[in-house]
Amino acid sequence: MHHNVTVEIPSDGGKFEKQLFNVTFKRLGRSEFTKLADKGDVELLEAVLEGWDEIVDEDGAAVPFTAANRLDFLDDPYFCRGVIKAYLESLDGAQVKN
């Protein structure tokens, strides 16, 4: 499942800067999702986040999807919030289609 993500990061003056990118999610069964969700957002995202594109660093260079980079990004609460929101929206879309 490939989905768009918007991450809002606080910037100077109390405003938010939006960063847009795409992620690929792994599909989980209901019981596996519930088990991981009970462990917290980071554990859930480690299991379902399979890839990304269009993430760039401060210099505009692409940040490759690796296990180490995923862990670094999962340490950012704004990144986690945006990806969790996209994942939950993907589940809503899947339920509507079924």
PDB file of N, CA and C in Angstrom:
ATOM      1  N   MET A   1       0.847  -1.176   0.000  1.00  0.00           N
ATOM      2  CA  MET A   1       0.000   0.000   0.000  1.00  0.00           C
ATOM      3  C   MET A   1       0.894   1.241   0.000  1.00  0.00           C
ATOM      4  N   HIS A   2       0.740   2.077  -1.012  1.00  0.00           N
ATOM      5  CA  HIS A   2       1.544   3.288  -1.175  1.00  0.00           C
ATOM      6  C   HIS A   2       0.658   4.493  -0.848  1.00  0.00           C
ATOM      7  N   HIS A   3       1.115   5.375   0.062  1.00  0.00           N
ATOM      8  CA  HIS A   3       0.274   6.492   0.503  1.00  0.00           C
ATOM      9  C   HIS A   3       1.064   7.776   0.668  1.00  0.00           C
ATOM     10  N   ASN A   4       0.362   8.886   0.504  1.00  0.00           N
ATOM     11  CA  ASN A   4       0.937  10.199   0.733  1.00  0.00           C
ATOM     12  C   ASN A   4       0.927  10.510   2.222  1.00  0.00           C
ATOM     13  N   VAL A   5       1.982  11.196   2.673  1.00  0.00           N
ATOM     14  CA  VAL A   5       2.099  11.594   4.080  1.00  0.00           C
ATOM     15  C   VAL A   5       2.413  13.078   4.121  1.00  0.00           C
ATOM     16  N   THR A   6       1.782  13.766   5.065  1.00  0.00           N
ATOM     17  CA  THR A   6       2.108  15.152   5.357  1.00  0.00           C
ATOM     18  C   THR A   6       2.565  15.221   6.796  1.00  0.00           C
ATOM     19  N   VAL A   7       3.761  15.744   7.000  1.00  0.00           N
ATOM     20  CA  VAL A   7       4.286  15.936   8.346  1.00  0.00           C
ATOM     21  C   VAL A   7       4.366  17.437   8.588  1.00  0.00           C
ATOM     22  N   GLU A   8       3.773  17.884   9.686  1.00  0.00           N
ATOM     23  CA  GLU A   8       3.820  19.296  10.046  1.00  0.00           C
ATOM     24  C   GLU A   8       4.831  19.469  11.170  1.00  0.00           C
ATOM     25  N   ILE A   9       5.853  20.303  10.881  1.00  0.00           N
ATOM     26  CA  ILE A   9       6.944  20.519  11.824  1.00  0.00           C
ATOM     27  C   ILE A   9       6.915  21.970  12.274  1.00  0.00           C
ATOM     28  N   PRO A  10       6.956  22.217  13.598  1.00  0.00           N
ATOM     29  CA  PRO A  10       6.942  23.605  14.069  1.00  0.00           C
ATOM     30  C   PRO A  10       8.150  24.375  13.535  1.00  0.00           C
ATOM     31  N   SER A  11       7.906  25.610  13.129  1.00  0.00           N
ATOM     32  CA  SER A  11       8.992  26.476  12.681  1.00  0.00           C
ATOM     33  C   SER A  11       8.936  27.760  13.507  1.00  0.00           C
ATOM     34  N   ASP A  12       9.767  28.695  13.174  1.00  0.00           N
ATOM     35  CA  ASP A  12       9.816  29.946  13.914  1.00  0.00           C
ATOM     36  C   ASP A  12       8.477  30.677  13.860  1.00  0.00           C
ATOM     37  N   GLY A  13       8.170  31.400  14.931  1.00  0.00           N
ATOM     38  CA  GLY A  13       6.959  32.209  14.965  1.00  0.00           C
ATOM     39  C   GLY A  13       5.690  31.440  15.219  1.00  0.00           C
ATOM     40  N   GLY A  14       5.792  30.206  15.695  1.00  0.00           N
ATOM     41  CA  GLY A  14       4.596  29.429  16.019  1.00  0.00           C
ATOM     42  C   GLY A  14       3.872  28.855  14.816  1.00  0.00           C
ATOM     43  N   LYS A  15       4.484  28.922  13.666  1.00  0.00           N
ATOM     44  CA  LYS A  15       3.869  28.359  12.466  1.00  0.00           C
ATOM     45  C   LYS A  15       4.403  26.950  12.229  1.00  0.00           C
ATOM     46  N   PHE A  16       3.760  26.254  11.300  1.00  0.00           N
ATOM     47  CA  PHE A  16       4.171  24.890  10.959  1.00  0.00           C
ATOM     48  C   PHE A  16       4.620  24.833   9.512  1.00  0.00           C
ATOM     49  N   GLU A  17       5.667  24.069   9.269  1.00  0.00           N
ATOM     50  CA  GLU A  17       6.164  23.816   7.924  1.00  0.00           C
ATOM     51  C   GLU A  17       5.709  22.419   7.536  1.00  0.00           C
ATOM     52  N   LYS A  18       5.117  22.297   6.353  1.00  0.00           N
ATOM     53  CA  LYS A  18       4.640  20.987   5.886  1.00  0.00           C
ATOM     54  C   LYS A  18       5.691  20.319   5.018  1.00  0.00           C
ATOM     55  N   GLN A  19       5.908  19.041   5.276  1.00  0.00           N
ATOM     56  CA  GLN A  19       6.773  18.218   4.445  1.00  0.00           C
ATOM     57  C   GLN A  19       5.920  17.084   3.883  1.00  0.00           C
ATOM     58  N   LEU A  20       5.999  16.902   2.586  1.00  0.00           N
ATOM     59  CA  LEU A  20       5.198  15.888   1.904  1.00  0.00           C
ATOM     60  C   LEU A  20       6.105  14.817   1.337  1.00  0.00           C
ATOM     61  N   PHE A  21       5.692  13.558   1.464  1.00  0.00           N
ATOM     62  CA  PHE A  21       6.428  12.439   0.893  1.00  0.00           C
ATOM     63  C   PHE A  21       5.497  11.244   0.776  1.00  0.00           C
ATOM     64  N   ASN A  22       5.988  10.187   0.184  1.00  0.00           N
ATOM     65  CA  ASN A  22       5.211   8.959   0.001  1.00  0.00           C
ATOM     66  C   ASN A  22       5.816   7.841   0.831  1.00  0.00           C
ATOM     67  N   VAL A  23       4.956   6.961   1.323  1.00  0.00           N
ATOM     68  CA  VAL A  23       5.417   5.791   2.074  1.00  0.00           C
ATOM     69  C   VAL A  23       4.733   4.543   1.520  1.00  0.00           C
ATOM     70  N   THR A  24       5.348   3.410   1.812  1.00  0.00           N
ATOM     71  CA  THR A  24       4.762   2.123   1.482  1.00  0.00           C
ATOM     72  C   THR A  24       4.504   1.386   2.790  1.00  0.00           C
ATOM     73  N   PHE A  25       3.263   0.934   2.948  1.00  0.00           N
ATOM     74  CA  PHE A  25       2.869   0.216   4.156  1.00  0.00           C
ATOM     75  C   PHE A  25       2.665  -1.267   3.872  1.00  0.00           C
ATOM     76  N   LYS A  26       2.974  -2.075   4.849  1.00  0.00           N
ATOM     77  CA  LYS A  26       2.676  -3.506   4.820  1.00  0.00           C
ATOM     78  C   LYS A  26       1.262  -3.694   5.368  1.00  0.00           C
ATOM     79  N   ARG A  27       0.530  -4.575   4.767  1.00  0.00           N
ATOM     80  CA  ARG A  27      -0.815  -4.897   5.287  1.00  0.00           C
ATOM     81  C   ARG A  27      -0.691  -5.861   6.460  1.00  0.00           C
ATOM     82  N   LEU A  28      -1.460  -5.603   7.486  1.00  0.00           N
ATOM     83  CA  LEU A  28      -1.498  -6.475   8.660  1.00  0.00           C
ATOM     84  C   LEU A  28      -2.905  -6.996   8.868  1.00  0.00           C
ATOM     85  N   GLY A  29      -3.005  -8.185   9.446  1.00  0.00           N
ATOM     86  CA  GLY A  29      -4.295  -8.691   9.877  1.00  0.00           C
ATOM     87  C   GLY A  29      -4.743  -7.949  11.127  1.00  0.00           C
ATOM     88  N   ARG A  30      -6.011  -8.048  11.427  1.00  0.00           N
ATOM     89  CA  ARG A  30      -6.582  -7.321  12.560  1.00  0.00           C
ATOM     90  C   ARG A  30      -5.911  -7.684  13.886  1.00  0.00           C
ATOM     91  N   SER A  31      -5.673  -8.961  14.138  1.00  0.00           N
ATOM     92  CA  SER A  31      -5.079  -9.362  15.419  1.00  0.00           C
ATOM     93  C   SER A  31      -3.637  -8.880  15.537  1.00  0.00           C
ATOM     94  N   GLU A  32      -2.870  -8.961  14.436  1.00  0.00           N
ATOM     95  CA  GLU A  32      -1.489  -8.490  14.466  1.00  0.00           C
ATOM     96  C   GLU A  32      -1.444  -6.970  14.663  1.00  0.00           C
ATOM     97  N   PHE A  33      -2.357  -6.238  13.983  1.00  0.00           N
ATOM     98  CA  PHE A  33      -2.435  -4.789  14.150  1.00  0.00           C
ATOM     99  C   PHE A  33      -2.728  -4.429  15.607  1.00  0.00           C
ATOM    100  N   THR A  34      -3.704  -5.094  16.206  1.00  0.00           N
ATOM    101  CA  THR A  34      -4.079  -4.808  17.588  1.00  0.00           C
ATOM    102  C   THR A  34      -2.921  -5.072  18.542  1.00  0.00           C
ATOM    103  N   LYS A  35      -2.224  -6.182  18.340  1.00  0.00           N
ATOM    104  CA  LYS A  35      -1.087  -6.521  19.192  1.00  0.00           C
ATOM    105  C   LYS A  35       0.005  -5.453  19.103  1.00  0.00           C
ATOM    106  N   LEU A  36       0.332  -5.025  17.883  1.00  0.00           N
ATOM    107  CA  LEU A  36       1.368  -4.013  17.696  1.00  0.00           C
ATOM    108  C   LEU A  36       0.916  -2.640  18.186  1.00  0.00           C
ATOM    109  N   ALA A  37      -0.341  -2.295  17.937  1.00  0.00           N
ATOM    110  CA  ALA A  37      -0.856  -0.997  18.378  1.00  0.00           C
ATOM    111  C   ALA A  37      -0.806  -0.880  19.891  1.00  0.00           C
ATOM    112  N   ASP A  38      -1.030  -1.993  20.584  1.00  0.00           N
ATOM    113  CA  ASP A  38      -0.965  -1.988  22.048  1.00  0.00           C
ATOM    114  C   ASP A  38       0.447  -1.728  22.557  1.00  0.00           C
ATOM    115  N   LYS A  39       1.450  -2.026  21.729  1.00  0.00           N
ATOM    116  CA  LYS A  39       2.849  -1.808  22.123  1.00  0.00           C
ATOM    117  C   LYS A  39       3.294  -0.370  21.896  1.00  0.00           C
ATOM    118  N   GLY A  40       2.551   0.382  21.073  1.00  0.00           N
ATOM    119  CA  GLY A  40       2.892   1.781  20.843  1.00  0.00           C
ATOM    120  C   GLY A  40       3.148   2.089  19.385  1.00  0.00           C
ATOM    121  N   ASP A  41       3.198   3.386  19.082  1.00  0.00           N
ATOM    122  CA  ASP A  41       3.340   3.848  17.701  1.00  0.00           C
ATOM    123  C   ASP A  41       4.637   3.388  17.049  1.00  0.00           C
ATOM    124  N   VAL A  42       5.745   3.458  17.776  1.00  0.00           N
ATOM    125  CA  VAL A  42       7.038   3.117  17.179  1.00  0.00           C
ATOM    126  C   VAL A  42       7.067   1.653  16.759  1.00  0.00           C
ATOM    127  N   GLU A  43       6.596   0.761  17.626  1.00  0.00           N
ATOM    128  CA  GLU A  43       6.588  -0.663  17.292  1.00  0.00           C
ATOM    129  C   GLU A  43       5.676  -0.942  16.100  1.00  0.00           C
ATOM    130  N   LEU A  44       4.523  -0.272  16.074  1.00  0.00           N
ATOM    131  CA  LEU A  44       3.601  -0.442  14.952  1.00  0.00           C
ATOM    132  C   LEU A  44       4.249   0.033  13.653  1.00  0.00           C
ATOM    133  N   LEU A  45       4.871   1.207  13.689  1.00  0.00           N
ATOM    134  CA  LEU A  45       5.486   1.750  12.478  1.00  0.00           C
ATOM    135  C   LEU A  45       6.698   0.936  12.033  1.00  0.00           C
ATOM    136  N   GLU A  46       7.443   0.365  12.971  1.00  0.00           N
ATOM    137  CA  GLU A  46       8.558  -0.507  12.579  1.00  0.00           C
ATOM    138  C   GLU A  46       8.039  -1.695  11.771  1.00  0.00           C
ATOM    139  N   ALA A  47       6.846  -2.161  12.108  1.00  0.00           N
ATOM    140  CA  ALA A  47       6.282  -3.330  11.437  1.00  0.00           C
ATOM    141  C   ALA A  47       5.636  -2.988  10.095  1.00  0.00           C
ATOM    142  N   VAL A  48       5.003  -1.815   9.984  1.00  0.00           N
ATOM    143  CA  VAL A  48       4.229  -1.529   8.772  1.00  0.00           C
ATOM    144  C   VAL A  48       4.937  -0.627   7.773  1.00  0.00           C
ATOM    145  N   LEU A  49       5.913   0.170   8.199  1.00  0.00           N
ATOM    146  CA  LEU A  49       6.589   1.094   7.294  1.00  0.00           C
ATOM    147  C   LEU A  49       7.652   0.345   6.505  1.00  0.00           C
ATOM    148  N   GLU A  50       7.365   0.096   5.211  1.00  0.00           N
ATOM    149  CA  GLU A  50       8.248  -0.710   4.376  1.00  0.00           C
ATOM    150  C   GLU A  50       9.108   0.104   3.420  1.00  0.00           C
ATOM    151  N   GLY A  51       8.826   1.369   3.269  1.00  0.00           N
ATOM    152  CA  GLY A  51       9.612   2.174   2.351  1.00  0.00           C
ATOM    153  C   GLY A  51       9.087   3.592   2.268  1.00  0.00           C
ATOM    154  N   TRP A  52       9.896   4.458   1.635  1.00  0.00           N
ATOM    155  CA  TRP A  52       9.476   5.828   1.379  1.00  0.00           C
ATOM    156  C   TRP A  52      10.222   6.361   0.178  1.00  0.00           C
ATOM    157  N   ASP A  53       9.695   7.450  -0.361  1.00  0.00           N
ATOM    158  CA  ASP A  53      10.415   8.219  -1.355  1.00  0.00           C
ATOM    159  C   ASP A  53      10.026   9.679  -1.191  1.00  0.00           C
ATOM    160  N   GLU A  54      10.835  10.533  -1.769  1.00  0.00           N
ATOM    161  CA  GLU A  54      10.663  11.982  -1.704  1.00  0.00           C
ATOM    162  C   GLU A  54      11.007  12.578  -0.347  1.00  0.00           C
ATOM    163  N   ILE A  55      11.709  11.843   0.510  1.00  0.00           N
ATOM    164  CA  ILE A  55      12.240  12.429   1.738  1.00  0.00           C
ATOM    165  C   ILE A  55      13.646  12.910   1.411  1.00  0.00           C
ATOM    166  N   VAL A  56      13.899  14.174   1.730  1.00  0.00           N
ATOM    167  CA  VAL A  56      15.209  14.764   1.452  1.00  0.00           C
ATOM    168  C   VAL A  56      15.793  15.369   2.720  1.00  0.00           C
ATOM    169  N   ASP A  57      17.119  15.480   2.740  1.00  0.00           N
ATOM    170  CA  ASP A  57      17.791  16.104   3.878  1.00  0.00           C
ATOM    171  C   ASP A  57      17.868  17.621   3.675  1.00  0.00           C
ATOM    172  N   GLU A  58      18.571  18.301   4.576  1.00  0.00           N
ATOM    173  CA  GLU A  58      18.667  19.761   4.527  1.00  0.00           C
ATOM    174  C   GLU A  58      19.280  20.269   3.225  1.00  0.00           C
ATOM    175  N   ASP A  59      20.103  19.455   2.596  1.00  0.00           N
ATOM    176  CA  ASP A  59      20.771  19.846   1.351  1.00  0.00           C
ATOM    177  C   ASP A  59      19.975  19.458   0.104  1.00  0.00           C
ATOM    178  N   GLY A  60      18.807  18.835   0.302  1.00  0.00           N
ATOM    179  CA  GLY A  60      17.987  18.428  -0.827  1.00  0.00           C
ATOM    180  C   GLY A  60      18.331  17.067  -1.397  1.00  0.00           C
ATOM    181  N   ALA A  61      19.241  16.338  -0.736  1.00  0.00           N
ATOM    182  CA  ALA A  61      19.610  14.993  -1.191  1.00  0.00           C
ATOM    183  C   ALA A  61      18.592  13.974  -0.678  1.00  0.00           C
ATOM    184  N   ALA A  62      18.266  13.005  -1.524  1.00  0.00           N
ATOM    185  CA  ALA A  62      17.314  11.965  -1.139  1.00  0.00           C
ATOM    186  C   ALA A  62      17.847  11.160   0.040  1.00  0.00           C
ATOM    187  N   VAL A  63      16.957  10.875   0.987  1.00  0.00           N
ATOM    188  CA  VAL A  63      17.299  10.032   2.136  1.00  0.00           C
ATOM    189  C   VAL A  63      16.795   8.631   1.820  1.00  0.00           C
ATOM    190  N   PRO A  64      17.699   7.675   1.659  1.00  0.00           N
ATOM    191  CA  PRO A  64      17.259   6.318   1.309  1.00  0.00           C
ATOM    192  C   PRO A  64      16.542   5.649   2.480  1.00  0.00           C
ATOM    193  N   PHE A  65      15.632   4.741   2.133  1.00  0.00           N
ATOM    194  CA  PHE A  65      14.962   3.961   3.174  1.00  0.00           C
ATOM    195  C   PHE A  65      15.888   2.834   3.602  1.00  0.00           C
ATOM    196  N   THR A  66      16.328   2.878   4.840  1.00  0.00           N
ATOM    197  CA  THR A  66      17.120   1.811   5.447  1.00  0.00           C
ATOM    198  C   THR A  66      16.582   1.599   6.852  1.00  0.00           C
ATOM    199  N   ALA A  67      16.921   0.489   7.467  1.00  0.00           N
ATOM    200  CA  ALA A  67      16.488   0.227   8.839  1.00  0.00           C
ATOM    201  C   ALA A  67      17.006   1.311   9.779  1.00  0.00           C
ATOM    202  N   ALA A  68      18.259   1.738   9.580  1.00  0.00           N
ATOM    203  CA  ALA A  68      18.843   2.766  10.446  1.00  0.00           C
ATOM    204  C   ALA A  68      18.140   4.109  10.252  1.00  0.00           C
ATOM    205  N   ASN A  69      17.870   4.484   8.993  1.00  0.00           N
ATOM    206  CA  ASN A  69      17.170   5.745   8.751  1.00  0.00           C
ATOM    207  C   ASN A  69      15.752   5.706   9.295  1.00  0.00           C
ATOM    208  N   ARG A  70      15.096   4.549   9.157  1.00  0.00           N
ATOM    209  CA  ARG A  70      13.746   4.424   9.695  1.00  0.00           C
ATOM    210  C   ARG A  70      13.769   4.649  11.200  1.00  0.00           C
ATOM    211  N   LEU A  71      14.716   4.041  11.908  1.00  0.00           N
ATOM    212  CA  LEU A  71      14.808   4.248  13.359  1.00  0.00           C
ATOM    213  C   LEU A  71      15.058   5.704  13.698  1.00  0.00           C
ATOM    214  N   ASP A  72      15.921   6.370  12.938  1.00  0.00           N
ATOM    215  CA  ASP A  72      16.176   7.794  13.174  1.00  0.00           C
ATOM    216  C   ASP A  72      14.897   8.614  13.019  1.00  0.00           C
ATOM    217  N   PHE A  73      14.164   8.366  11.958  1.00  0.00           N
ATOM    218  CA  PHE A  73      12.935   9.120  11.718  1.00  0.00           C
ATOM    219  C   PHE A  73      11.859   8.788  12.752  1.00  0.00           C
ATOM    220  N   LEU A  74      11.806   7.545  13.205  1.00  0.00           N
ATOM    221  CA  LEU A  74      10.795   7.157  14.192  1.00  0.00           C
ATOM    222  C   LEU A  74      11.050   7.790  15.554  1.00  0.00           C
ATOM    223  N   ASP A  75      12.230   8.383  15.735  1.00  0.00           N
ATOM    224  CA  ASP A  75      12.526   9.108  16.963  1.00  0.00           C
ATOM    225  C   ASP A  75      11.908  10.508  16.951  1.00  0.00           C
ATOM    226  N   ASP A  76      11.411  10.936  15.800  1.00  0.00           N
ATOM    227  CA  ASP A  76      10.805  12.260  15.641  1.00  0.00           C
ATOM    228  C   ASP A  76       9.291  12.149  15.829  1.00  0.00           C
ATOM    229  N   PRO A  77       8.742  12.789  16.868  1.00  0.00           N
ATOM    230  CA  PRO A  77       7.303  12.653  17.124  1.00  0.00           C
ATOM    231  C   PRO A  77       6.434  13.225  16.004  1.00  0.00           C
ATOM    232  N   TYR A  78       6.913  14.238  15.286  1.00  0.00           N
ATOM    233  CA  TYR A  78       6.134  14.821  14.197  1.00  0.00           C
ATOM    234  C   TYR A  78       6.072  13.863  13.007  1.00  0.00           C
ATOM    235  N   PHE A  79       7.179  13.188  12.713  1.00  0.00           N
ATOM    236  CA  PHE A  79       7.211  12.183  11.671  1.00  0.00           C
ATOM    237  C   PHE A  79       6.242  11.054  12.027  1.00  0.00           C
ATOM    238  N   CYS A  80       6.341  10.555  13.263  1.00  0.00           N
ATOM    239  CA  CYS A  80       5.462   9.457  13.699  1.00  0.00           C
ATOM    240  C   CYS A  80       3.996   9.843  13.585  1.00  0.00           C
ATOM    241  N   ARG A  81       3.662  11.043  14.038  1.00  0.00           N
ATOM    242  CA  ARG A  81       2.266  11.493  13.994  1.00  0.00           C
ATOM    243  C   ARG A  81       1.750  11.511  12.557  1.00  0.00           C
ATOM    244  N   GLY A  82       2.543  12.056  11.622  1.00  0.00           N
ATOM    245  CA  GLY A  82       2.112  12.123  10.227  1.00  0.00           C
ATOM    246  C   GLY A  82       1.961  10.752   9.593  1.00  0.00           C
ATOM    247  N   VAL A  83       2.904   9.848   9.872  1.00  0.00           N
ATOM    248  CA  VAL A  83       2.853   8.516   9.267  1.00  0.00           C
ATOM    249  C   VAL A  83       1.725   7.684   9.884  1.00  0.00           C
ATOM    250  N   ILE A  84       1.527   7.784  11.196  1.00  0.00           N
ATOM    251  CA  ILE A  84       0.413   7.074  11.842  1.00  0.00           C
ATOM    252  C   ILE A  84      -0.914   7.545  11.267  1.00  0.00           C
ATOM    253  N   LYS A  85      -1.057   8.857  11.099  1.00  0.00           N
ATOM    254  CA  LYS A  85      -2.296   9.398  10.527  1.00  0.00           C
ATOM    255  C   LYS A  85      -2.527   8.818   9.136  1.00  0.00           C
ATOM    256  N   ALA A  86      -1.481   8.797   8.293  1.00  0.00           N
ATOM    257  CA  ALA A  86      -1.616   8.242   6.946  1.00  0.00           C
ATOM    258  C   ALA A  86      -1.955   6.752   6.992  1.00  0.00           C
ATOM    259  N   TYR A  87      -1.334   6.014   7.928  1.00  0.00           N
ATOM    260  CA  TYR A  87      -1.610   4.585   8.030  1.00  0.00           C
ATOM    261  C   TYR A  87      -3.064   4.338   8.432  1.00  0.00           C
ATOM    262  N   LEU A  88      -3.541   5.075   9.421  1.00  0.00           N
ATOM    263  CA  LEU A  88      -4.930   4.901   9.858  1.00  0.00           C
ATOM    264  C   LEU A  88      -5.907   5.295   8.753  1.00  0.00           C
ATOM    265  N   GLU A  89      -5.585   6.344   8.003  1.00  0.00           N
ATOM    266  CA  GLU A  89      -6.435   6.726   6.872  1.00  0.00           C
ATOM    267  C   GLU A  89      -6.432   5.630   5.807  1.00  0.00           C
ATOM    268  N   SER A  90      -5.294   4.957   5.621  1.00  0.00           N
ATOM    269  CA  SER A  90      -5.231   3.874   4.645  1.00  0.00           C
ATOM    270  C   SER A  90      -6.136   2.711   5.078  1.00  0.00           C
ATOM    271  N   LEU A  91      -6.209   2.485   6.385  1.00  0.00           N
ATOM    272  CA  LEU A  91      -7.094   1.428   6.884  1.00  0.00           C
ATOM    273  C   LEU A  91      -8.554   1.788   6.668  1.00  0.00           C
ATOM    274  N   ASP A  92      -8.888   3.055   6.891  1.00  0.00           N
ATOM    275  CA  ASP A  92     -10.272   3.498   6.647  1.00  0.00           C
ATOM    276  C   ASP A  92     -10.640   3.309   5.188  1.00  0.00           C
ATOM    277  N   GLY A  93      -9.712   3.660   4.292  1.00  0.00           N
ATOM    278  CA  GLY A  93      -9.954   3.487   2.861  1.00  0.00           C
ATOM    279  C   GLY A  93     -10.137   2.030   2.492  1.00  0.00           C
ATOM    280  N   ALA A  94      -9.354   1.163   3.105  1.00  0.00           N
ATOM    281  CA  ALA A  94      -9.451  -0.280   2.825  1.00  0.00           C
ATOM    282  C   ALA A  94     -10.789  -0.820   3.283  1.00  0.00           C
ATOM    283  N   GLN A  95     -11.283  -0.336   4.440  1.00  0.00           N
ATOM    284  CA  GLN A  95     -12.572  -0.810   4.946  1.00  0.00           C
ATOM    285  C   GLN A  95     -13.709  -0.351   4.071  1.00  0.00           C
ATOM    286  N   VAL A  96     -13.621   0.871   3.545  1.00  0.00           N
ATOM    287  CA  VAL A  96     -14.680   1.391   2.682  1.00  0.00           C
ATOM    288  C   VAL A  96     -14.753   0.581   1.382  1.00  0.00           C
ATOM    289  N   LYS A  97     -13.578   0.180   0.854  1.00  0.00           N
ATOM    290  CA  LYS A  97     -13.531  -0.567  -0.396  1.00  0.00           C
ATOM    291  C   LYS A  97     -14.063  -1.979  -0.245  1.00  0.00           C
ATOM    292  N   ASN A  98     -13.960  -2.560   0.954  1.00  0.00           N
ATOM    293  CA  ASN A  98     -14.392  -3.950   1.151  1.00  0.00           C
ATOM    294  C   ASN A  98     -15.866  -4.073   1.343  1.00  0.00           C
TER     295      ASN A  98
END
